[in-house]
Amino acid sequence: MTDGIRDSGLGIRPDARGRTPTPKSRIPALLVATSLGVGYAPVASGTFGSAAGLVLWAVLPSTIVVQATAIVVLFVIGSWAGSVAERHFGRTDPGEVVVDEVMGMLLTLFLTGVGWTGAVAGFFLFRIFDIVKPFPARRLEHLPGGLGVMADDAMAAIYANVALRALLALANRVIG
C-alpha cells in the first residue's frame, strides 16, 4: 500500500477506473512523453527535448495553420502522455518527459518568421525562461498531472516568444 493506493510492487498503480495498466499499454504514452526516447538522455534531457523541438520546427511547413495545429496537438496529447508518465515514473514532472519542451520550442518560434540564427536565439531564450519559470509559470507547474507538465512550459515559451520579438525589433532598429 502506497499513499492509500494499492501498488503491485512494480510501481504500477490502478488508473481512476481501478484498472491496472500493463507496462505495454503505457508504451504509446511514454513514446510521446519522452519524444521518441529523447527524454532518456543521461544529462540535460530538457535541453535535448528543446533541440528535438527545434528539429520539428525545421521540418514542419511554416504555415500558421500547420504550426498552430502542431502546438495544440502537442499540448493536448502531451498532457495525456505526461499524466501517464507521472504515474509510470512515480513522480511529478519527471525529467524523462520532454514533449513539453518540444511544444515549447514550437510556441517560442510561432509567428516570428525567423531563420536559423533567430531560431537558435529562441532556443536559448526558451531554455532560460523554462529554467527560471517567471510568474505565473511556476504556479502553472502545480496544475494536476500532465496539464501542469505542459502549462508551465507553454508559459515559458510565451515569455521566450515575446523576448525573441523584442530582440528582433531591437536588431532591426540597430541594423536597419
N, C-alpha and C. Protein backbone atom coordinates (compact mmCIF):
# COMPACT_ATOMS: atom_id res chain seq x y z
N MET A 1 0.86 -1.18 0.00
CA MET A 1 0.00 0.00 0.00
C MET A 1 0.90 1.24 0.00
N THR A 2 0.64 2.16 -0.92
CA THR A 2 1.39 3.40 -1.00
C THR A 2 0.40 4.55 -1.11
N ASP A 3 0.45 5.50 -0.17
CA ASP A 3 -0.44 6.66 -0.19
C ASP A 3 -1.91 6.24 -0.32
N GLY A 4 -2.27 5.13 0.27
CA GLY A 4 -3.64 4.66 0.20
C GLY A 4 -4.02 4.07 -1.15
N ILE A 5 -3.05 3.92 -2.04
CA ILE A 5 -3.31 3.36 -3.36
C ILE A 5 -2.63 2.01 -3.43
N ARG A 6 -3.36 1.02 -3.87
CA ARG A 6 -2.79 -0.31 -3.99
C ARG A 6 -1.72 -0.32 -5.08
N ASP A 7 -0.56 -0.82 -4.75
CA ASP A 7 0.58 -0.84 -5.67
C ASP A 7 1.00 -2.29 -5.87
N SER A 8 1.24 -2.67 -7.10
CA SER A 8 1.58 -4.06 -7.41
C SER A 8 3.00 -4.42 -7.01
N GLY A 9 3.79 -3.45 -6.55
CA GLY A 9 5.19 -3.70 -6.23
C GLY A 9 6.10 -3.39 -7.40
N LEU A 10 5.52 -3.16 -8.58
CA LEU A 10 6.30 -2.82 -9.76
C LEU A 10 6.15 -1.35 -10.11
N GLY A 11 5.57 -0.57 -9.20
CA GLY A 11 5.33 0.83 -9.48
C GLY A 11 4.14 1.05 -10.40
N ILE A 12 3.33 0.02 -10.57
CA ILE A 12 2.17 0.10 -11.45
C ILE A 12 0.94 0.28 -10.57
N ARG A 13 0.29 1.42 -10.73
CA ARG A 13 -0.88 1.73 -9.92
C ARG A 13 -2.13 1.72 -10.78
N PRO A 14 -3.26 1.42 -10.17
CA PRO A 14 -4.52 1.44 -10.92
C PRO A 14 -4.83 2.85 -11.41
N ASP A 15 -5.55 2.96 -12.53
CA ASP A 15 -5.98 4.26 -13.01
C ASP A 15 -7.26 4.64 -12.26
N ALA A 16 -7.90 5.73 -12.68
CA ALA A 16 -9.09 6.23 -11.99
C ALA A 16 -10.24 5.23 -12.00
N ARG A 17 -10.25 4.33 -12.96
CA ARG A 17 -11.32 3.33 -13.04
C ARG A 17 -10.97 2.05 -12.30
N GLY A 18 -9.82 2.02 -11.63
CA GLY A 18 -9.42 0.85 -10.87
C GLY A 18 -8.69 -0.20 -11.70
N ARG A 19 -8.44 0.08 -12.99
CA ARG A 19 -7.72 -0.88 -13.84
C ARG A 19 -6.22 -0.68 -13.65
N THR A 20 -5.51 -1.76 -13.60
CA THR A 20 -4.06 -1.69 -13.52
C THR A 20 -3.49 -1.84 -14.92
N PRO A 21 -2.91 -0.76 -15.45
CA PRO A 21 -2.38 -0.86 -16.81
C PRO A 21 -1.14 -1.73 -16.85
N THR A 22 -0.96 -2.41 -17.95
CA THR A 22 0.25 -3.19 -18.13
C THR A 22 1.34 -2.27 -18.65
N PRO A 23 2.59 -2.61 -18.44
CA PRO A 23 3.66 -1.76 -18.99
C PRO A 23 3.52 -1.57 -20.50
N LYS A 24 3.04 -2.59 -21.23
CA LYS A 24 2.88 -2.45 -22.68
C LYS A 24 1.83 -1.41 -23.04
N SER A 25 0.80 -1.26 -22.21
CA SER A 25 -0.25 -0.28 -22.52
C SER A 25 0.25 1.15 -22.36
N ARG A 26 1.38 1.32 -21.69
CA ARG A 26 1.95 2.65 -21.49
C ARG A 26 2.90 3.07 -22.61
N ILE A 27 3.26 2.15 -23.47
CA ILE A 27 4.28 2.43 -24.49
C ILE A 27 3.91 3.63 -25.37
N PRO A 28 2.70 3.72 -25.92
CA PRO A 28 2.40 4.89 -26.76
C PRO A 28 2.56 6.21 -26.00
N ALA A 29 2.06 6.25 -24.77
CA ALA A 29 2.16 7.47 -23.97
C ALA A 29 3.61 7.81 -23.66
N LEU A 30 4.41 6.80 -23.32
CA LEU A 30 5.81 7.05 -22.99
C LEU A 30 6.61 7.48 -24.22
N LEU A 31 6.25 6.95 -25.40
CA LEU A 31 6.91 7.40 -26.63
C LEU A 31 6.63 8.87 -26.88
N VAL A 32 5.38 9.29 -26.65
CA VAL A 32 5.03 10.71 -26.81
C VAL A 32 5.72 11.53 -25.74
N ALA A 33 5.58 11.13 -24.47
CA ALA A 33 6.13 11.90 -23.36
C ALA A 33 7.63 12.11 -23.47
N THR A 34 8.33 11.08 -23.89
CA THR A 34 9.79 11.16 -23.99
C THR A 34 10.26 11.60 -25.37
N SER A 35 9.31 11.97 -26.22
CA SER A 35 9.61 12.38 -27.60
C SER A 35 10.48 11.35 -28.30
N LEU A 36 9.91 10.15 -28.38
CA LEU A 36 10.55 9.00 -29.04
C LEU A 36 11.88 8.61 -28.38
N GLY A 37 11.97 8.83 -27.07
CA GLY A 37 13.15 8.41 -26.32
C GLY A 37 14.16 9.50 -26.05
N VAL A 38 13.98 10.67 -26.61
CA VAL A 38 14.92 11.78 -26.39
C VAL A 38 15.03 12.09 -24.90
N GLY A 39 13.93 11.95 -24.17
CA GLY A 39 13.92 12.26 -22.74
C GLY A 39 14.79 11.36 -21.89
N TYR A 40 15.27 10.27 -22.46
CA TYR A 40 16.15 9.37 -21.71
C TYR A 40 17.62 9.79 -21.80
N ALA A 41 17.89 10.96 -22.38
CA ALA A 41 19.27 11.46 -22.42
C ALA A 41 19.79 11.49 -20.99
N PRO A 42 21.04 11.06 -20.76
CA PRO A 42 21.54 10.94 -19.40
C PRO A 42 21.73 12.27 -18.67
N VAL A 43 21.89 13.36 -19.40
CA VAL A 43 22.01 14.69 -18.79
C VAL A 43 21.23 15.68 -19.63
N ALA A 44 20.77 16.73 -19.00
CA ALA A 44 20.10 17.85 -19.67
C ALA A 44 19.00 17.39 -20.63
N SER A 45 18.13 16.52 -20.15
CA SER A 45 17.08 16.00 -21.02
C SER A 45 16.18 17.11 -21.56
N GLY A 46 15.95 18.14 -20.78
CA GLY A 46 15.14 19.26 -21.25
C GLY A 46 15.78 19.99 -22.41
N THR A 47 17.08 20.11 -22.37
CA THR A 47 17.81 20.75 -23.47
C THR A 47 17.73 19.89 -24.72
N PHE A 48 17.86 18.58 -24.56
CA PHE A 48 17.72 17.67 -25.70
C PHE A 48 16.29 17.71 -26.24
N GLY A 49 15.31 17.80 -25.36
CA GLY A 49 13.92 17.92 -25.79
C GLY A 49 13.69 19.21 -26.56
N SER A 50 14.29 20.30 -26.11
CA SER A 50 14.18 21.58 -26.82
C SER A 50 14.84 21.48 -28.19
N ALA A 51 15.97 20.78 -28.26
CA ALA A 51 16.64 20.58 -29.55
C ALA A 51 15.74 19.76 -30.49
N ALA A 52 15.04 18.77 -29.94
CA ALA A 52 14.10 18.00 -30.76
C ALA A 52 12.98 18.90 -31.27
N GLY A 53 12.55 19.84 -30.45
CA GLY A 53 11.54 20.81 -30.87
C GLY A 53 12.05 21.70 -31.99
N LEU A 54 13.32 22.06 -31.92
CA LEU A 54 13.94 22.86 -32.98
C LEU A 54 13.98 22.09 -34.29
N VAL A 55 14.29 20.81 -34.21
CA VAL A 55 14.28 19.95 -35.41
C VAL A 55 12.86 19.85 -35.98
N LEU A 56 11.88 19.64 -35.10
CA LEU A 56 10.49 19.56 -35.57
C LEU A 56 10.08 20.87 -36.24
N TRP A 57 10.43 22.00 -35.65
CA TRP A 57 10.13 23.31 -36.24
C TRP A 57 10.74 23.41 -37.64
N ALA A 58 11.94 22.89 -37.81
CA ALA A 58 12.63 22.98 -39.10
C ALA A 58 11.95 22.13 -40.17
N VAL A 59 11.36 21.01 -39.79
CA VAL A 59 10.77 20.13 -40.80
C VAL A 59 9.28 20.40 -41.04
N LEU A 60 8.62 21.07 -40.12
CA LEU A 60 7.21 21.39 -40.33
C LEU A 60 7.06 22.50 -41.36
N PRO A 61 6.04 22.43 -42.19
CA PRO A 61 5.76 23.56 -43.08
C PRO A 61 5.53 24.81 -42.24
N SER A 62 6.01 25.93 -42.71
CA SER A 62 5.95 27.15 -41.90
C SER A 62 4.66 27.93 -42.09
N THR A 63 3.55 27.22 -42.26
CA THR A 63 2.26 27.89 -42.35
C THR A 63 1.68 28.05 -40.95
N ILE A 64 0.88 29.08 -40.79
CA ILE A 64 0.26 29.35 -39.49
C ILE A 64 -0.60 28.16 -39.05
N VAL A 65 -1.38 27.62 -39.97
CA VAL A 65 -2.30 26.53 -39.63
C VAL A 65 -1.53 25.29 -39.16
N VAL A 66 -0.50 24.91 -39.89
CA VAL A 66 0.29 23.72 -39.52
C VAL A 66 0.97 23.93 -38.18
N GLN A 67 1.62 25.06 -38.00
CA GLN A 67 2.35 25.31 -36.75
C GLN A 67 1.39 25.40 -35.55
N ALA A 68 0.28 26.12 -35.72
CA ALA A 68 -0.69 26.24 -34.62
C ALA A 68 -1.30 24.88 -34.29
N THR A 69 -1.62 24.11 -35.30
CA THR A 69 -2.19 22.78 -35.08
C THR A 69 -1.18 21.90 -34.34
N ALA A 70 0.08 21.95 -34.74
CA ALA A 70 1.10 21.14 -34.07
C ALA A 70 1.22 21.53 -32.60
N ILE A 71 1.17 22.81 -32.31
CA ILE A 71 1.27 23.28 -30.92
C ILE A 71 0.09 22.76 -30.10
N VAL A 72 -1.12 22.92 -30.62
CA VAL A 72 -2.32 22.48 -29.90
C VAL A 72 -2.32 20.96 -29.72
N VAL A 73 -2.01 20.23 -30.78
CA VAL A 73 -1.99 18.76 -30.70
C VAL A 73 -0.94 18.31 -29.69
N LEU A 74 0.25 18.90 -29.73
CA LEU A 74 1.29 18.51 -28.77
C LEU A 74 0.86 18.85 -27.34
N PHE A 75 0.20 19.98 -27.14
CA PHE A 75 -0.25 20.33 -25.79
C PHE A 75 -1.26 19.31 -25.28
N VAL A 76 -2.24 18.97 -26.12
CA VAL A 76 -3.29 18.04 -25.69
C VAL A 76 -2.73 16.63 -25.47
N ILE A 77 -2.04 16.11 -26.47
CA ILE A 77 -1.51 14.75 -26.35
C ILE A 77 -0.39 14.69 -25.30
N GLY A 78 0.35 15.79 -25.17
CA GLY A 78 1.40 15.85 -24.15
C GLY A 78 0.82 15.86 -22.74
N SER A 79 -0.33 16.49 -22.57
CA SER A 79 -0.99 16.49 -21.25
C SER A 79 -1.39 15.07 -20.86
N TRP A 80 -1.96 14.35 -21.82
CA TRP A 80 -2.33 12.94 -21.57
C TRP A 80 -1.07 12.11 -21.30
N ALA A 81 -0.09 12.21 -22.17
CA ALA A 81 1.13 11.41 -22.02
C ALA A 81 1.89 11.78 -20.75
N GLY A 82 1.89 13.05 -20.39
CA GLY A 82 2.56 13.48 -19.17
C GLY A 82 1.92 12.88 -17.93
N SER A 83 0.59 12.77 -17.93
CA SER A 83 -0.11 12.14 -16.81
C SER A 83 0.26 10.67 -16.69
N VAL A 84 0.26 9.97 -17.82
CA VAL A 84 0.64 8.55 -17.82
C VAL A 84 2.09 8.40 -17.34
N ALA A 85 2.97 9.27 -17.83
CA ALA A 85 4.39 9.19 -17.47
C ALA A 85 4.60 9.48 -15.98
N GLU A 86 3.85 10.42 -15.43
CA GLU A 86 3.98 10.69 -13.99
C GLU A 86 3.64 9.44 -13.18
N ARG A 87 2.57 8.75 -13.58
CA ARG A 87 2.21 7.51 -12.87
C ARG A 87 3.29 6.44 -13.09
N HIS A 88 3.80 6.35 -14.31
CA HIS A 88 4.81 5.34 -14.64
C HIS A 88 6.10 5.56 -13.85
N PHE A 89 6.58 6.80 -13.82
CA PHE A 89 7.86 7.08 -13.15
C PHE A 89 7.68 7.33 -11.66
N GLY A 90 6.43 7.51 -11.21
CA GLY A 90 6.15 7.67 -9.79
C GLY A 90 6.55 9.01 -9.22
N ARG A 91 6.61 10.04 -10.06
CA ARG A 91 6.93 11.38 -9.56
C ARG A 91 6.32 12.44 -10.46
N THR A 92 6.20 13.64 -9.92
CA THR A 92 5.63 14.77 -10.65
C THR A 92 6.65 15.31 -11.64
N ASP A 93 6.21 15.60 -12.84
CA ASP A 93 7.02 16.18 -13.91
C ASP A 93 8.40 15.53 -14.03
N PRO A 94 8.43 14.23 -14.33
CA PRO A 94 9.72 13.54 -14.42
C PRO A 94 10.58 14.10 -15.54
N GLY A 95 11.89 14.11 -15.33
CA GLY A 95 12.83 14.65 -16.30
C GLY A 95 12.77 13.97 -17.65
N GLU A 96 12.34 12.73 -17.67
CA GLU A 96 12.25 11.99 -18.93
C GLU A 96 11.17 12.55 -19.87
N VAL A 97 10.22 13.27 -19.30
CA VAL A 97 9.14 13.85 -20.10
C VAL A 97 9.66 15.14 -20.73
N VAL A 98 9.79 15.12 -22.07
CA VAL A 98 10.30 16.29 -22.78
C VAL A 98 9.36 16.77 -23.89
N VAL A 99 8.19 16.18 -24.02
CA VAL A 99 7.24 16.65 -25.02
C VAL A 99 6.86 18.10 -24.74
N ASP A 100 6.92 18.51 -23.47
CA ASP A 100 6.64 19.90 -23.12
C ASP A 100 7.68 20.85 -23.70
N GLU A 101 8.93 20.43 -23.74
CA GLU A 101 9.98 21.24 -24.34
C GLU A 101 9.83 21.31 -25.86
N VAL A 102 9.42 20.20 -26.47
CA VAL A 102 9.20 20.20 -27.92
C VAL A 102 8.10 21.20 -28.26
N MET A 103 6.98 21.13 -27.56
CA MET A 103 5.88 22.06 -27.78
C MET A 103 6.33 23.49 -27.47
N GLY A 104 7.13 23.64 -26.41
CA GLY A 104 7.61 24.97 -26.02
C GLY A 104 8.45 25.63 -27.10
N MET A 105 9.27 24.84 -27.78
CA MET A 105 10.08 25.41 -28.86
C MET A 105 9.20 25.86 -30.02
N LEU A 106 8.19 25.07 -30.36
CA LEU A 106 7.29 25.48 -31.45
C LEU A 106 6.56 26.78 -31.08
N LEU A 107 6.14 26.88 -29.83
CA LEU A 107 5.45 28.09 -29.38
C LEU A 107 6.40 29.28 -29.31
N THR A 108 7.63 29.04 -28.91
CA THR A 108 8.63 30.12 -28.87
C THR A 108 8.83 30.73 -30.25
N LEU A 109 8.86 29.90 -31.28
CA LEU A 109 9.16 30.37 -32.63
C LEU A 109 7.92 30.70 -33.45
N PHE A 110 6.74 30.50 -32.86
CA PHE A 110 5.49 30.71 -33.58
C PHE A 110 5.33 32.15 -34.04
N LEU A 111 5.07 32.32 -35.33
CA LEU A 111 4.81 33.61 -35.97
C LEU A 111 5.95 34.63 -35.83
N THR A 112 7.16 34.14 -35.65
CA THR A 112 8.29 35.07 -35.57
C THR A 112 8.97 35.27 -36.91
N GLY A 113 8.82 34.33 -37.82
CA GLY A 113 9.43 34.44 -39.14
C GLY A 113 10.95 34.42 -39.13
N VAL A 114 11.53 33.78 -38.13
CA VAL A 114 12.98 33.76 -38.01
C VAL A 114 13.61 32.68 -38.88
N GLY A 115 14.88 32.85 -39.17
CA GLY A 115 15.68 31.81 -39.80
C GLY A 115 16.43 31.08 -38.70
N TRP A 116 17.51 30.41 -39.08
CA TRP A 116 18.24 29.60 -38.10
C TRP A 116 18.88 30.42 -36.99
N THR A 117 19.40 31.60 -37.30
CA THR A 117 20.02 32.43 -36.25
C THR A 117 18.98 32.81 -35.20
N GLY A 118 17.81 33.24 -35.66
CA GLY A 118 16.73 33.59 -34.73
C GLY A 118 16.21 32.38 -33.98
N ALA A 119 16.17 31.23 -34.65
CA ALA A 119 15.70 30.01 -34.00
C ALA A 119 16.64 29.60 -32.88
N VAL A 120 17.93 29.74 -33.11
CA VAL A 120 18.91 29.40 -32.06
C VAL A 120 18.77 30.39 -30.90
N ALA A 121 18.57 31.66 -31.21
CA ALA A 121 18.34 32.65 -30.14
C ALA A 121 17.07 32.27 -29.36
N GLY A 122 16.02 31.86 -30.07
CA GLY A 122 14.79 31.42 -29.41
C GLY A 122 15.02 30.21 -28.54
N PHE A 123 15.86 29.30 -29.00
CA PHE A 123 16.22 28.11 -28.22
C PHE A 123 16.81 28.52 -26.86
N PHE A 124 17.78 29.43 -26.89
CA PHE A 124 18.40 29.85 -25.63
C PHE A 124 17.44 30.63 -24.75
N LEU A 125 16.62 31.48 -25.36
CA LEU A 125 15.62 32.22 -24.58
C LEU A 125 14.64 31.26 -23.91
N PHE A 126 14.17 30.27 -24.66
CA PHE A 126 13.23 29.31 -24.08
C PHE A 126 13.88 28.54 -22.93
N ARG A 127 15.11 28.10 -23.11
CA ARG A 127 15.78 27.36 -22.04
C ARG A 127 15.87 28.22 -20.78
N ILE A 128 16.22 29.50 -20.94
CA ILE A 128 16.32 30.41 -19.79
C ILE A 128 14.97 30.54 -19.09
N PHE A 129 13.93 30.85 -19.86
CA PHE A 129 12.60 31.03 -19.25
C PHE A 129 12.06 29.73 -18.68
N ASP A 130 12.39 28.60 -19.27
CA ASP A 130 11.94 27.31 -18.76
C ASP A 130 12.61 26.98 -17.43
N ILE A 131 13.85 27.38 -17.29
CA ILE A 131 14.58 27.13 -16.04
C ILE A 131 14.15 28.11 -14.95
N VAL A 132 14.06 29.40 -15.30
CA VAL A 132 13.73 30.45 -14.31
C VAL A 132 12.25 30.38 -13.91
N LYS A 133 11.38 30.06 -14.85
CA LYS A 133 9.93 29.95 -14.64
C LYS A 133 9.33 31.20 -13.98
N PRO A 134 9.38 32.34 -14.68
CA PRO A 134 8.78 33.55 -14.09
C PRO A 134 7.27 33.41 -13.95
N PHE A 135 6.71 34.21 -13.07
CA PHE A 135 5.27 34.19 -12.80
C PHE A 135 4.51 34.32 -14.11
N PRO A 136 3.49 33.56 -14.31
CA PRO A 136 2.88 32.53 -13.48
C PRO A 136 3.33 31.10 -13.83
N ALA A 137 4.44 30.95 -14.53
CA ALA A 137 4.88 29.62 -14.97
C ALA A 137 5.04 28.65 -13.79
N ARG A 138 5.68 29.10 -12.72
CA ARG A 138 5.88 28.20 -11.59
C ARG A 138 4.55 27.76 -10.98
N ARG A 139 3.58 28.67 -10.96
CA ARG A 139 2.26 28.30 -10.45
C ARG A 139 1.57 27.29 -11.35
N LEU A 140 1.71 27.47 -12.66
CA LEU A 140 1.08 26.56 -13.61
C LEU A 140 1.64 25.14 -13.48
N GLU A 141 2.88 25.05 -13.04
CA GLU A 141 3.53 23.76 -12.82
C GLU A 141 2.77 22.91 -11.82
N HIS A 142 1.98 23.56 -10.95
CA HIS A 142 1.25 22.85 -9.90
C HIS A 142 -0.14 22.39 -10.34
N LEU A 143 -0.51 22.65 -11.59
CA LEU A 143 -1.77 22.10 -12.08
C LEU A 143 -1.66 20.57 -12.07
N PRO A 144 -2.77 19.88 -12.00
CA PRO A 144 -2.70 18.41 -11.86
C PRO A 144 -2.18 17.69 -13.11
N GLY A 145 -1.39 16.66 -12.86
CA GLY A 145 -0.93 15.73 -13.90
C GLY A 145 -0.21 16.38 -15.05
N GLY A 146 -0.48 15.85 -16.23
CA GLY A 146 0.19 16.30 -17.44
C GLY A 146 -0.15 17.73 -17.82
N LEU A 147 -1.28 18.23 -17.36
CA LEU A 147 -1.63 19.63 -17.63
C LEU A 147 -0.57 20.55 -17.03
N GLY A 148 -0.15 20.27 -15.81
CA GLY A 148 0.90 21.06 -15.17
C GLY A 148 2.24 20.91 -15.88
N VAL A 149 2.51 19.69 -16.36
CA VAL A 149 3.76 19.43 -17.09
C VAL A 149 3.83 20.33 -18.32
N MET A 150 2.72 20.45 -19.04
CA MET A 150 2.69 21.20 -20.29
C MET A 150 2.50 22.70 -20.08
N ALA A 151 1.68 23.10 -19.12
CA ALA A 151 1.30 24.50 -18.97
C ALA A 151 2.46 25.40 -18.58
N ASP A 152 3.35 24.94 -17.69
CA ASP A 152 4.45 25.81 -17.29
C ASP A 152 5.40 26.06 -18.46
N ASP A 153 5.59 25.06 -19.32
CA ASP A 153 6.46 25.25 -20.49
C ASP A 153 5.78 26.12 -21.53
N ALA A 154 4.47 26.03 -21.64
CA ALA A 154 3.75 26.92 -22.56
C ALA A 154 3.94 28.37 -22.12
N MET A 155 3.86 28.62 -20.82
CA MET A 155 4.04 29.99 -20.32
C MET A 155 5.47 30.45 -20.54
N ALA A 156 6.45 29.59 -20.27
CA ALA A 156 7.85 29.94 -20.52
C ALA A 156 8.07 30.25 -22.00
N ALA A 157 7.40 29.50 -22.87
CA ALA A 157 7.53 29.71 -24.31
C ALA A 157 6.90 31.04 -24.74
N ILE A 158 5.81 31.42 -24.11
CA ILE A 158 5.20 32.72 -24.42
C ILE A 158 6.17 33.84 -24.05
N TYR A 159 6.79 33.74 -22.87
CA TYR A 159 7.81 34.72 -22.48
C TYR A 159 8.96 34.74 -23.49
N ALA A 160 9.41 33.57 -23.89
CA ALA A 160 10.52 33.48 -24.85
C ALA A 160 10.12 34.06 -26.20
N ASN A 161 8.89 33.82 -26.63
CA ASN A 161 8.41 34.36 -27.90
C ASN A 161 8.41 35.89 -27.86
N VAL A 162 7.90 36.45 -26.78
CA VAL A 162 7.86 37.91 -26.64
C VAL A 162 9.29 38.48 -26.57
N ALA A 163 10.17 37.83 -25.82
CA ALA A 163 11.56 38.29 -25.73
C ALA A 163 12.26 38.20 -27.08
N LEU A 164 12.00 37.14 -27.83
CA LEU A 164 12.59 36.99 -29.16
C LEU A 164 12.10 38.10 -30.08
N ARG A 165 10.82 38.42 -30.02
CA ARG A 165 10.28 39.51 -30.83
C ARG A 165 10.93 40.84 -30.46
N ALA A 166 11.16 41.05 -29.16
CA ALA A 166 11.83 42.28 -28.72
C ALA A 166 13.27 42.33 -29.26
N LEU A 167 13.96 41.21 -29.19
CA LEU A 167 15.33 41.15 -29.74
C LEU A 167 15.33 41.42 -31.24
N LEU A 168 14.39 40.85 -31.96
CA LEU A 168 14.31 41.06 -33.40
C LEU A 168 14.02 42.52 -33.72
N ALA A 169 13.12 43.15 -32.96
CA ALA A 169 12.81 44.57 -33.17
C ALA A 169 14.04 45.43 -32.88
N LEU A 170 14.75 45.10 -31.83
CA LEU A 170 15.96 45.85 -31.48
C LEU A 170 17.02 45.68 -32.57
N ALA A 171 17.20 44.45 -33.02
CA ALA A 171 18.19 44.18 -34.08
C ALA A 171 17.83 44.92 -35.37
N ASN A 172 16.54 44.94 -35.71
CA ASN A 172 16.11 45.66 -36.91
C ASN A 172 16.33 47.16 -36.78
N ARG A 173 16.15 47.67 -35.59
CA ARG A 173 16.35 49.09 -35.34
C ARG A 173 17.82 49.47 -35.42
N VAL A 174 18.67 48.62 -34.84
CA VAL A 174 20.11 48.89 -34.83
C VAL A 174 20.70 48.69 -36.23
N ILE A 175 20.31 47.62 -36.89
CA ILE A 175 20.87 47.29 -38.21
C ILE A 175 20.20 48.14 -39.30
N GLY A 176 18.89 48.26 -39.20
CA GLY A 176 18.11 48.93 -40.27
C GLY A 176 18.06 50.38 -40.08
